[in-house]
Amino acid sequence: MSATIKPQGKLTFLTKFAFGMGDFWTSIGNIAMATYLTMFYTDVVRLSPSMVASMLLVVRLVVAFWDLTVGILVDQTKSRWGKARPWMLFGGIAYGIAFLFLFLDPFGNSLAGVIYAWAVYAIVNVAYSTVNVSYASLTSLLTADSGEKTQLNIFRMTIANVGAMLVYVLAMPIVNAFGGTSIGWGVFFGVISVMIPFGYWFTFANTREVASFESDGGTDGNDGKVCVGGHFKALVRNKYWWLTLGLNFALWTYNGIANGMAAYIAKYVLGNSNLTAVIGLATVIPMVIGLPFAGPLVARFGKRNSSMAGLVLVAAGSLLVFIDPSNLWVFFVSIVVRMIGIIPMNAALNAMSGDVVEYGEWQSGVRSDGIVFSSSSFSMKVAMGVSSAAIAWVLGASGYDGSRATQSAVTVSAMVNTFVWVPVAMVVVMAVLLFFYDLDGRIGRIGRELAARRA
């Protein structure tokens, strides 16, 4: 199968902004599930931490395989709207409808409440995966230019962090305005759910896929489509695919622990649940300010080298917490330093996956936009499931009781140590994987050779 990229210059600001706005809603959903959902289940619905841990892990692991299915469907789709955009649009509608029911508590801590939680969480994650995988696949379908892919990712991550900032600032004050009851949770996240479908429609309406495929007989002889086995056969020989899978897992485990433990740190370590907003601002403001400057940094030093340098700051920032774990400003500075350090990795990783697509086509002649990005999403989902379950397991093992206003010293210590040492461990993993990622110096030549083949 021959890949044809339609002639195109630089992407317009509207295209980049519209693409970035897709992750505004994805980020809000991710922050809601990573930061607030565990606390909603343990402190409002009063489900046991062990049950919550099992649900978060099992559902994420099972739904992760749906990510791969969506990637396959994207790669096999031909429509007047393109390959990924229709899945993003209709997945966004389903996601908004399902999200409406996520922060409701119609049955409390009962068998019906447990069944309701499992069912709604599963449906939300299926819809989330559908829209997230198809949306991520747009990165390599909107442009073949590696620099433009980095710019798309910077728009995406910057706008995503604006969405996260709004949730951090508004969620707990609004929830607490309703006395911390399930009504406040339902009102705040219910309003968001109504807006989600319109948000994805905006991205759909203002982007156009430019990568298309012309049949030369195909691997399976069916309208030029490569069979699923052909895609995976090509990918398993692509070492950069494996490296980006590992990087996604490590990064999202880091994010999952940092975001998921934030609400507990604010409420039980710092003593005020409203301080989740302060922790959230320390998390997203450096990203919002720093990401626009990450493009020149990544272009100058490369995706690998700039990411490696940033990881040193992440490790150092994490250890700063031990100066005084109960001091808000120590936590604030620690998080700011960590987030400055993780900026290059966040700016580069999605663009790395786009380069993996180009390398795979150059190496094997098989282009797998959907499967590459869905496998990254698969890795992300597994990491989010593991990190969310780990938080609940740590809480349960340390004697956490969601009905208490304060927790034991053992529980508080477990919260702090998890918040510090898991991210440090993930920094080590990312550094090792980046050491073997040497595609930066080759992707320019690969792009030129692919362009010559397509001419």
Protein backbone atom coordinates (compact mmCIF):
# COMPACT_ATOMS: atom_id res chain seq x y z
CA MET A 1 0.00 0.00 0.00
CA SER A 2 1.34 3.43 -0.89
CA ALA A 3 0.72 6.39 1.38
CA THR A 4 -0.11 9.67 -0.25
CA ILE A 5 0.19 12.93 1.65
CA LYS A 6 -1.67 15.76 0.01
CA PRO A 7 0.44 18.86 -0.56
CA GLN A 8 0.23 21.17 2.44
CA GLY A 9 2.15 24.04 3.98
CA LYS A 10 2.10 25.07 7.60
CA LEU A 11 -1.05 24.41 9.56
CA THR A 12 -3.19 27.46 10.29
CA PHE A 13 -3.58 28.83 13.81
CA LEU A 14 -7.28 27.84 13.74
CA THR A 15 -6.39 24.24 12.91
CA LYS A 16 -3.85 24.06 15.71
CA PHE A 17 -6.19 25.74 18.18
CA ALA A 18 -9.15 23.53 17.21
CA PHE A 19 -6.97 20.45 17.54
CA GLY A 20 -5.75 21.61 20.94
CA MET A 21 -9.31 22.21 22.12
CA GLY A 22 -10.03 18.52 21.71
CA ASP A 23 -7.64 17.80 24.56
CA PHE A 24 -9.29 20.51 26.68
CA TRP A 25 -12.21 18.13 27.21
CA THR A 26 -10.08 15.00 27.33
CA SER A 27 -7.96 16.63 30.04
CA ILE A 28 -10.99 17.62 32.09
CA GLY A 29 -12.23 14.04 32.00
CA ASN A 30 -8.80 12.68 32.84
CA ILE A 31 -8.35 15.05 35.81
CA ALA A 32 -11.85 14.24 37.02
CA MET A 33 -11.14 10.50 37.04
CA ALA A 34 -7.50 10.68 38.16
CA THR A 35 -7.79 13.34 40.88
CA TYR A 36 -11.35 13.35 42.17
CA LEU A 37 -13.12 10.08 41.41
CA THR A 38 -11.30 7.94 43.98
CA MET A 39 -12.09 10.47 46.71
CA PHE A 40 -15.72 10.65 45.54
CA TYR A 41 -16.03 6.87 45.87
CA THR A 42 -14.22 6.60 49.23
CA ASP A 43 -15.44 9.76 50.99
CA VAL A 44 -18.90 10.39 49.49
CA VAL A 45 -20.26 7.03 48.32
CA ARG A 46 -18.23 5.39 51.14
CA LEU A 47 -17.10 2.42 49.08
CA SER A 48 -14.16 0.51 50.54
CA PRO A 49 -10.70 1.44 49.19
CA SER A 50 -10.00 -2.19 48.26
CA MET A 51 -13.18 -2.40 46.17
CA VAL A 52 -12.41 0.92 44.50
CA ALA A 53 -8.86 -0.26 43.75
CA SER A 54 -10.15 -3.44 42.13
CA MET A 55 -12.68 -1.53 40.02
CA LEU A 56 -10.20 1.08 38.82
CA LEU A 57 -7.63 -1.53 37.85
CA VAL A 58 -9.89 -4.15 36.28
CA VAL A 59 -11.95 -1.72 34.22
CA ARG A 60 -8.90 0.15 32.94
CA LEU A 61 -7.11 -3.08 32.00
CA VAL A 62 -10.12 -4.50 30.17
CA VAL A 63 -10.99 -1.25 28.40
CA ALA A 64 -7.34 -0.83 27.36
CA PHE A 65 -7.95 -3.58 24.80
CA TRP A 66 -10.79 -1.49 23.39
CA ASP A 67 -8.18 1.17 22.68
CA LEU A 68 -6.40 -1.24 20.33
CA THR A 69 -9.74 -2.07 18.68
CA VAL A 70 -10.45 1.61 18.06
CA GLY A 71 -6.98 2.01 16.56
CA ILE A 72 -7.66 -0.85 14.17
CA LEU A 73 -11.05 0.63 13.26
CA VAL A 74 -9.44 4.02 12.56
CA ASP A 75 -6.82 2.45 10.30
CA GLN A 76 -9.53 0.53 8.40
CA THR A 77 -11.94 3.45 8.06
CA LYS A 78 -12.53 5.29 4.81
CA SER A 79 -15.10 8.08 4.83
CA ARG A 80 -15.68 11.55 3.43
CA TRP A 81 -14.73 12.83 6.91
CA GLY A 82 -11.47 10.90 6.97
CA LYS A 83 -10.29 8.05 9.16
CA ALA A 84 -10.22 9.44 12.71
CA ARG A 85 -12.57 12.44 12.75
CA PRO A 86 -15.87 10.51 12.60
CA TRP A 87 -14.83 8.28 15.51
CA MET A 88 -13.84 11.37 17.49
CA LEU A 89 -17.15 13.13 16.83
CA PHE A 90 -19.51 10.27 17.70
CA GLY A 91 -17.24 9.05 20.51
CA GLY A 92 -17.37 12.57 21.97
CA ILE A 93 -21.15 12.53 21.99
CA ALA A 94 -21.21 9.16 23.77
CA TYR A 95 -18.54 10.33 26.21
CA GLY A 96 -20.52 13.42 27.20
CA ILE A 97 -23.69 11.41 27.81
CA ALA A 98 -21.91 8.74 29.88
CA PHE A 99 -19.90 11.30 31.88
CA LEU A 100 -23.17 12.81 33.14
CA PHE A 101 -23.73 9.76 35.35
CA LEU A 102 -20.18 9.34 36.69
CA PHE A 103 -20.39 11.60 39.76
CA LEU A 104 -23.89 10.63 40.85
CA ASP A 105 -24.68 8.57 43.95
CA PRO A 106 -28.19 7.16 43.56
CA PHE A 107 -27.67 4.05 45.73
CA GLY A 108 -24.95 4.83 48.30
CA ASN A 109 -22.75 2.11 49.79
CA SER A 110 -24.87 -0.86 48.82
CA LEU A 111 -24.76 -3.72 46.34
CA ALA A 112 -26.71 -1.58 43.89
CA GLY A 113 -24.22 1.25 44.46
CA VAL A 114 -21.28 -1.04 43.70
CA ILE A 115 -22.93 -2.35 40.52
CA TYR A 116 -23.78 1.20 39.45
CA ALA A 117 -20.21 2.38 40.01
CA TRP A 118 -18.71 -0.50 38.03
CA ALA A 119 -21.18 -0.15 35.14
CA VAL A 120 -20.91 3.63 34.75
CA TYR A 121 -17.13 3.68 35.14
CA ALA A 122 -16.81 1.00 32.45
CA ILE A 123 -19.12 2.79 30.00
CA VAL A 124 -17.37 6.14 30.55
CA ASN A 125 -14.00 4.54 29.87
CA VAL A 126 -15.18 2.85 26.67
CA ALA A 127 -16.46 6.19 25.37
CA TYR A 128 -13.33 8.00 26.61
CA SER A 129 -11.10 5.51 24.79
CA THR A 130 -13.06 5.89 21.56
CA VAL A 131 -12.69 9.65 21.46
CA ASN A 132 -9.16 9.77 22.88
CA VAL A 133 -7.61 7.24 20.49
CA SER A 134 -9.22 8.74 17.40
CA TYR A 135 -8.32 12.26 18.54
CA ALA A 136 -4.68 11.33 19.17
CA SER A 137 -4.48 9.69 15.73
CA LEU A 138 -5.19 13.08 14.16
CA THR A 139 -1.63 14.16 15.04
CA SER A 140 -0.14 12.23 12.13
CA LEU A 141 -3.18 12.66 9.88
CA LEU A 142 -3.21 16.47 9.94
CA THR A 143 0.41 16.82 8.81
CA ALA A 144 3.48 14.79 7.87
CA ASP A 145 5.87 17.50 9.11
CA SER A 146 7.67 16.53 12.35
CA GLY A 147 7.96 20.17 13.47
CA GLU A 148 4.25 20.77 12.91
CA LYS A 149 3.47 17.65 14.92
CA THR A 150 5.46 19.08 17.81
CA GLN A 151 3.53 22.35 17.47
CA LEU A 152 0.24 20.45 17.49
CA ASN A 153 1.30 18.67 20.65
CA ILE A 154 2.29 21.95 22.29
CA PHE A 155 -1.12 23.47 21.47
CA ARG A 156 -2.74 20.29 22.73
CA MET A 157 -0.86 20.15 26.03
CA THR A 158 -1.13 23.89 26.70
CA ILE A 159 -4.89 23.98 26.20
CA ALA A 160 -5.29 20.70 28.09
CA ASN A 161 -3.59 22.27 31.09
CA VAL A 162 -5.91 25.28 30.91
CA GLY A 163 -8.80 22.83 31.21
CA ALA A 164 -7.10 21.08 34.11
CA MET A 165 -6.51 24.42 35.82
CA LEU A 166 -10.20 25.32 35.62
CA VAL A 167 -11.16 22.00 37.20
CA TYR A 168 -8.60 22.37 39.97
CA VAL A 169 -9.73 25.92 40.77
CA LEU A 170 -13.48 25.35 40.61
CA ALA A 171 -14.18 21.75 41.64
CA MET A 172 -13.73 21.68 45.41
CA PRO A 173 -15.11 25.19 46.13
CA ILE A 174 -18.29 24.31 44.21
CA VAL A 175 -18.52 20.85 45.79
CA ASN A 176 -17.98 22.33 49.26
CA ALA A 177 -20.61 25.01 48.55
CA PHE A 178 -23.09 22.14 48.56
CA GLY A 179 -21.69 20.83 51.84
CA GLY A 180 -19.43 18.28 50.15
CA THR A 181 -22.46 16.12 49.33
CA SER A 182 -23.00 14.15 46.14
CA ILE A 183 -25.24 16.97 44.87
CA GLY A 184 -22.26 19.30 44.53
CA TRP A 185 -20.23 16.66 42.72
CA GLY A 186 -23.13 15.93 40.36
CA VAL A 187 -23.80 19.60 39.59
CA PHE A 188 -20.20 20.53 38.81
CA PHE A 189 -19.31 17.54 36.66
CA GLY A 190 -22.81 17.37 35.18
CA VAL A 191 -22.44 20.85 33.67
CA ILE A 192 -19.13 19.75 32.14
CA SER A 193 -20.72 16.65 30.64
CA VAL A 194 -23.27 18.74 28.74
CA MET A 195 -20.50 20.79 27.10
CA ILE A 196 -18.26 17.86 26.10
CA PRO A 197 -20.02 16.88 22.82
CA PHE A 198 -20.00 20.49 21.58
CA GLY A 199 -16.29 20.72 22.36
CA TYR A 200 -15.42 17.74 20.19
CA TRP A 201 -17.69 19.03 17.43
CA PHE A 202 -15.58 22.23 17.35
CA THR A 203 -12.43 20.16 16.81
CA PHE A 204 -14.17 18.03 14.18
CA ALA A 205 -15.48 21.06 12.28
CA ASN A 206 -12.17 22.95 12.13
CA THR A 207 -9.67 20.22 11.25
CA ARG A 208 -9.08 18.31 8.03
CA GLU A 209 -7.14 15.11 7.54
CA VAL A 210 -4.50 15.41 4.81
CA ALA A 211 -2.98 11.91 4.91
CA SER A 212 -4.77 9.49 2.62
CA PHE A 213 -4.00 6.10 1.15
CA GLU A 214 -4.11 4.81 -2.36
CA SER A 215 -4.47 1.15 -3.11
CA ASP A 216 -1.81 -0.78 -4.93
CA GLY A 217 -3.42 -4.11 -4.25
CA GLY A 218 -2.95 -4.10 -0.49
CA THR A 219 -1.48 -6.68 1.79
CA ASP A 220 -4.73 -8.58 2.06
CA GLY A 221 -6.03 -7.89 -1.42
CA ASN A 222 -9.03 -6.02 -0.04
CA ASP A 223 -9.29 -2.49 -1.38
CA GLY A 224 -5.71 -1.72 -0.48
CA LYS A 225 -6.19 -2.26 3.23
CA VAL A 226 -3.42 -3.87 5.24
CA CYS A 227 -4.73 -6.67 7.43
CA VAL A 228 -4.52 -6.23 11.18
CA GLY A 229 -1.85 -8.89 11.45
CA GLY A 230 0.21 -7.01 8.88
CA HIS A 231 0.14 -3.86 11.00
CA PHE A 232 1.26 -5.65 14.15
CA LYS A 233 3.85 -7.73 12.29
CA ALA A 234 5.42 -4.48 11.11
CA LEU A 235 5.18 -2.78 14.49
CA VAL A 236 6.82 -5.52 16.56
CA ARG A 237 9.99 -4.95 14.52
CA ASN A 238 9.84 -1.22 15.23
CA LYS A 239 11.96 -0.67 18.38
CA TYR A 240 10.78 2.92 18.71
CA TRP A 241 7.21 1.70 19.04
CA TRP A 242 8.23 -0.35 22.07
CA LEU A 243 10.19 2.55 23.55
CA THR A 244 7.26 4.98 23.23
CA LEU A 245 4.93 2.42 24.80
CA GLY A 246 7.24 2.24 27.80
CA LEU A 247 7.56 6.02 27.96
CA ASN A 248 3.79 6.42 27.90
CA PHE A 249 3.39 3.89 30.70
CA ALA A 250 6.02 5.57 32.88
CA LEU A 251 4.78 9.11 32.21
CA TRP A 252 1.15 8.28 32.94
CA THR A 253 2.02 6.30 36.05
CA TYR A 254 3.86 9.42 37.21
CA ASN A 255 0.87 11.63 36.29
CA GLY A 256 -1.63 9.23 37.84
CA ILE A 257 0.11 9.16 41.21
CA ALA A 258 0.79 12.91 41.24
CA ASN A 259 -2.77 13.85 40.27
CA GLY A 260 -4.55 11.09 42.15
CA MET A 261 -2.83 11.75 45.45
CA ALA A 262 -3.24 15.55 45.21
CA ALA A 263 -6.74 15.70 46.71
CA TYR A 264 -5.71 13.46 49.63
CA ILE A 265 -2.52 15.49 50.23
CA ALA A 266 -4.57 18.69 50.37
CA LYS A 267 -7.25 17.32 52.68
CA TYR A 268 -5.24 15.19 55.09
CA VAL A 269 -1.58 16.29 54.89
CA LEU A 270 -2.09 20.05 54.46
CA GLY A 271 -5.44 20.05 56.29
CA ASN A 272 -7.75 21.79 53.79
CA SER A 273 -9.47 20.15 50.81
CA ASN A 274 -9.75 23.53 49.06
CA LEU A 275 -5.94 23.52 48.79
CA THR A 276 -6.40 21.00 45.97
CA ALA A 277 -6.82 24.14 43.86
CA VAL A 278 -3.40 25.44 44.97
CA ILE A 279 -1.75 22.10 44.22
CA GLY A 280 -3.57 22.04 40.90
CA LEU A 281 -2.36 25.52 39.98
CA ALA A 282 1.20 24.53 40.86
CA THR A 283 0.71 21.59 38.50
CA VAL A 284 -0.72 23.37 35.48
CA ILE A 285 0.56 26.97 35.49
CA PRO A 286 4.17 25.96 34.73
CA MET A 287 2.84 23.83 31.86
CA VAL A 288 0.65 26.60 30.45
CA ILE A 289 3.52 29.11 30.60
CA GLY A 290 6.33 26.75 29.66
CA LEU A 291 4.88 24.63 26.86
CA PRO A 292 4.87 27.42 24.23
CA PHE A 293 8.64 27.76 24.82
CA ALA A 294 9.19 24.01 24.59
CA GLY A 295 8.99 24.00 20.78
CA PRO A 296 12.26 25.91 20.21
CA LEU A 297 13.91 23.89 23.01
CA VAL A 298 12.90 20.56 21.47
CA ALA A 299 13.86 21.79 17.99
CA ARG A 300 17.28 22.93 19.24
CA PHE A 301 18.25 19.96 21.39
CA GLY A 302 15.95 17.18 20.17
CA LYS A 303 13.08 15.35 21.83
CA ARG A 304 15.32 12.92 23.69
CA ASN A 305 17.96 15.30 25.01
CA SER A 306 15.54 18.00 26.16
CA SER A 307 13.38 15.37 27.90
CA MET A 308 16.39 13.82 29.63
CA ALA A 309 17.52 17.19 30.98
CA GLY A 310 14.04 17.92 32.29
CA LEU A 311 13.85 14.62 34.18
CA VAL A 312 16.72 15.74 36.42
CA LEU A 313 14.50 18.59 37.66
CA VAL A 314 11.59 16.20 38.19
CA ALA A 315 13.66 13.99 40.49
CA ALA A 316 15.08 16.97 42.40
CA GLY A 317 11.66 18.59 42.78
CA SER A 318 10.15 15.38 44.12
CA LEU A 319 12.74 15.09 46.89
CA LEU A 320 12.16 18.70 48.00
CA VAL A 321 8.94 17.57 49.71
CA PHE A 322 10.95 15.96 52.51
CA ILE A 323 12.13 19.41 53.70
CA ASP A 324 8.73 19.76 55.41
CA PRO A 325 5.83 17.60 54.13
CA SER A 326 3.24 19.57 56.11
CA ASN A 327 4.21 22.96 54.64
CA LEU A 328 2.04 24.19 51.77
CA TRP A 329 4.81 26.28 50.20
CA VAL A 330 7.28 23.41 50.25
CA PHE A 331 4.73 21.31 48.37
CA PHE A 332 4.01 24.21 46.03
CA VAL A 333 7.68 24.77 45.12
CA SER A 334 8.27 21.02 44.81
CA ILE A 335 5.41 20.62 42.34
CA VAL A 336 6.42 23.70 40.32
CA VAL A 337 9.97 22.37 39.92
CA ARG A 338 8.64 18.93 38.94
CA MET A 339 6.29 20.39 36.37
CA ILE A 340 8.98 22.60 34.79
CA GLY A 341 11.09 19.48 34.44
CA ILE A 342 8.36 17.37 32.84
CA ILE A 343 7.47 20.01 30.21
CA PRO A 344 9.87 18.73 27.49
CA MET A 345 8.62 15.16 27.93
CA ASN A 346 5.00 16.27 27.65
CA ALA A 347 5.80 18.40 24.60
CA ALA A 348 7.71 15.65 22.84
CA LEU A 349 6.02 12.33 23.55
CA ASN A 350 2.99 12.58 21.29
CA ALA A 351 5.23 13.90 18.51
CA MET A 352 7.51 10.92 19.11
CA SER A 353 4.56 8.65 18.36
CA GLY A 354 4.01 10.57 15.13
CA ASP A 355 7.67 9.97 14.23
CA VAL A 356 7.18 6.28 15.04
CA VAL A 357 4.42 6.20 12.39
CA GLU A 358 6.78 7.74 9.82
CA TYR A 359 9.64 5.41 10.76
CA GLY A 360 7.35 2.37 10.56
CA GLU A 361 6.19 3.31 7.07
CA TRP A 362 9.79 3.92 6.00
CA GLN A 363 10.96 0.62 7.49
CA SER A 364 8.16 -1.71 6.38
CA GLY A 365 5.96 0.18 3.91
CA VAL A 366 3.02 -0.15 6.35
CA ARG A 367 1.59 3.03 7.88
CA SER A 368 -0.28 2.45 11.15
CA ASP A 369 -1.51 5.79 12.47
CA GLY A 370 -4.44 4.40 14.43
CA ILE A 371 -2.69 1.39 15.93
CA VAL A 372 0.41 3.37 16.97
CA PHE A 373 -1.66 5.96 18.80
CA SER A 374 -4.14 3.42 20.17
CA SER A 375 -1.30 1.33 21.56
CA SER A 376 0.05 4.46 23.24
CA SER A 377 -3.42 5.01 24.66
CA PHE A 378 -3.47 1.33 25.71
CA SER A 379 -0.24 1.88 27.62
CA MET A 380 -1.66 5.05 29.15
CA LYS A 381 -4.85 3.28 30.26
CA VAL A 382 -2.90 0.45 31.89
CA ALA A 383 -0.73 3.01 33.69
CA MET A 384 -3.75 5.01 34.85
CA GLY A 385 -5.44 1.84 36.07
CA VAL A 386 -2.33 0.69 37.92
CA SER A 387 -1.68 4.12 39.46
CA SER A 388 -5.31 4.67 40.52
CA ALA A 389 -5.50 1.19 42.02
CA ALA A 390 -2.12 1.67 43.72
CA ILE A 391 -3.40 4.81 45.47
CA ALA A 392 -6.47 2.99 46.74
CA TRP A 393 -4.38 -0.02 47.80
CA VAL A 394 -1.89 2.22 49.66
CA LEU A 395 -4.77 3.96 51.44
CA GLY A 396 -6.40 0.68 52.38
CA ALA A 397 -3.16 -0.90 53.58
CA SER A 398 -2.29 2.14 55.71
CA GLY A 399 -5.64 2.14 57.53
CA TYR A 400 -7.38 4.96 55.66
CA ASP A 401 -10.95 5.76 56.81
CA GLY A 402 -12.87 8.15 54.54
CA SER A 403 -15.37 8.97 57.30
CA ARG A 404 -12.67 10.54 59.51
CA ALA A 405 -11.68 14.21 59.34
CA THR A 406 -8.05 13.32 60.07
CA GLN A 407 -5.96 10.26 59.31
CA SER A 408 -3.32 8.40 61.30
CA ALA A 409 0.38 9.25 61.06
CA VAL A 410 0.93 5.97 59.21
CA THR A 411 -1.64 6.89 56.56
CA VAL A 412 -0.27 10.42 56.14
CA SER A 413 3.27 9.06 55.79
CA ALA A 414 2.08 6.56 53.16
CA MET A 415 0.47 9.39 51.18
CA VAL A 416 3.65 11.49 51.21
CA ASN A 417 6.01 8.64 50.36
CA THR A 418 3.82 7.47 47.49
CA PHE A 419 3.64 11.04 46.17
CA VAL A 420 7.46 11.25 46.14
CA TRP A 421 9.00 7.86 45.45
CA VAL A 422 6.75 6.53 42.69
CA PRO A 423 7.45 9.60 40.49
CA VAL A 424 11.19 9.26 41.21
CA ALA A 425 11.07 5.61 40.12
CA MET A 426 9.23 6.58 36.92
CA VAL A 427 11.89 9.21 36.18
CA VAL A 428 14.52 6.47 36.26
CA VAL A 429 12.46 4.30 33.91
CA MET A 430 11.92 7.17 31.45
CA ALA A 431 15.63 8.08 31.48
CA VAL A 432 16.64 4.50 30.63
CA LEU A 433 14.13 4.30 27.76
CA LEU A 434 15.15 7.70 26.37
CA PHE A 435 18.78 6.59 26.34
CA PHE A 436 17.88 4.08 23.60
CA TYR A 437 15.68 6.51 21.63
CA ASP A 438 17.93 7.80 18.82
CA LEU A 439 15.28 8.61 16.20
CA ASP A 440 15.70 12.39 16.45
CA GLY A 441 18.81 12.41 14.29
CA ARG A 442 17.23 10.20 11.63
CA ILE A 443 13.68 11.46 11.23
CA GLY A 444 14.59 14.32 8.86
CA ARG A 445 16.21 11.96 6.36
CA ILE A 446 13.39 9.46 6.78
CA GLY A 447 10.83 12.16 6.01
CA ARG A 448 12.67 13.20 2.86
CA GLU A 449 12.94 9.61 1.64
CA LEU A 450 9.22 9.01 2.29
CA ALA A 451 8.34 12.20 0.40
CA ALA A 452 10.42 10.96 -2.56
CA ARG A 453 8.61 7.60 -2.50
CA ARG A 454 5.21 9.31 -2.46
CA ALA A 455 6.08 11.70 -5.30
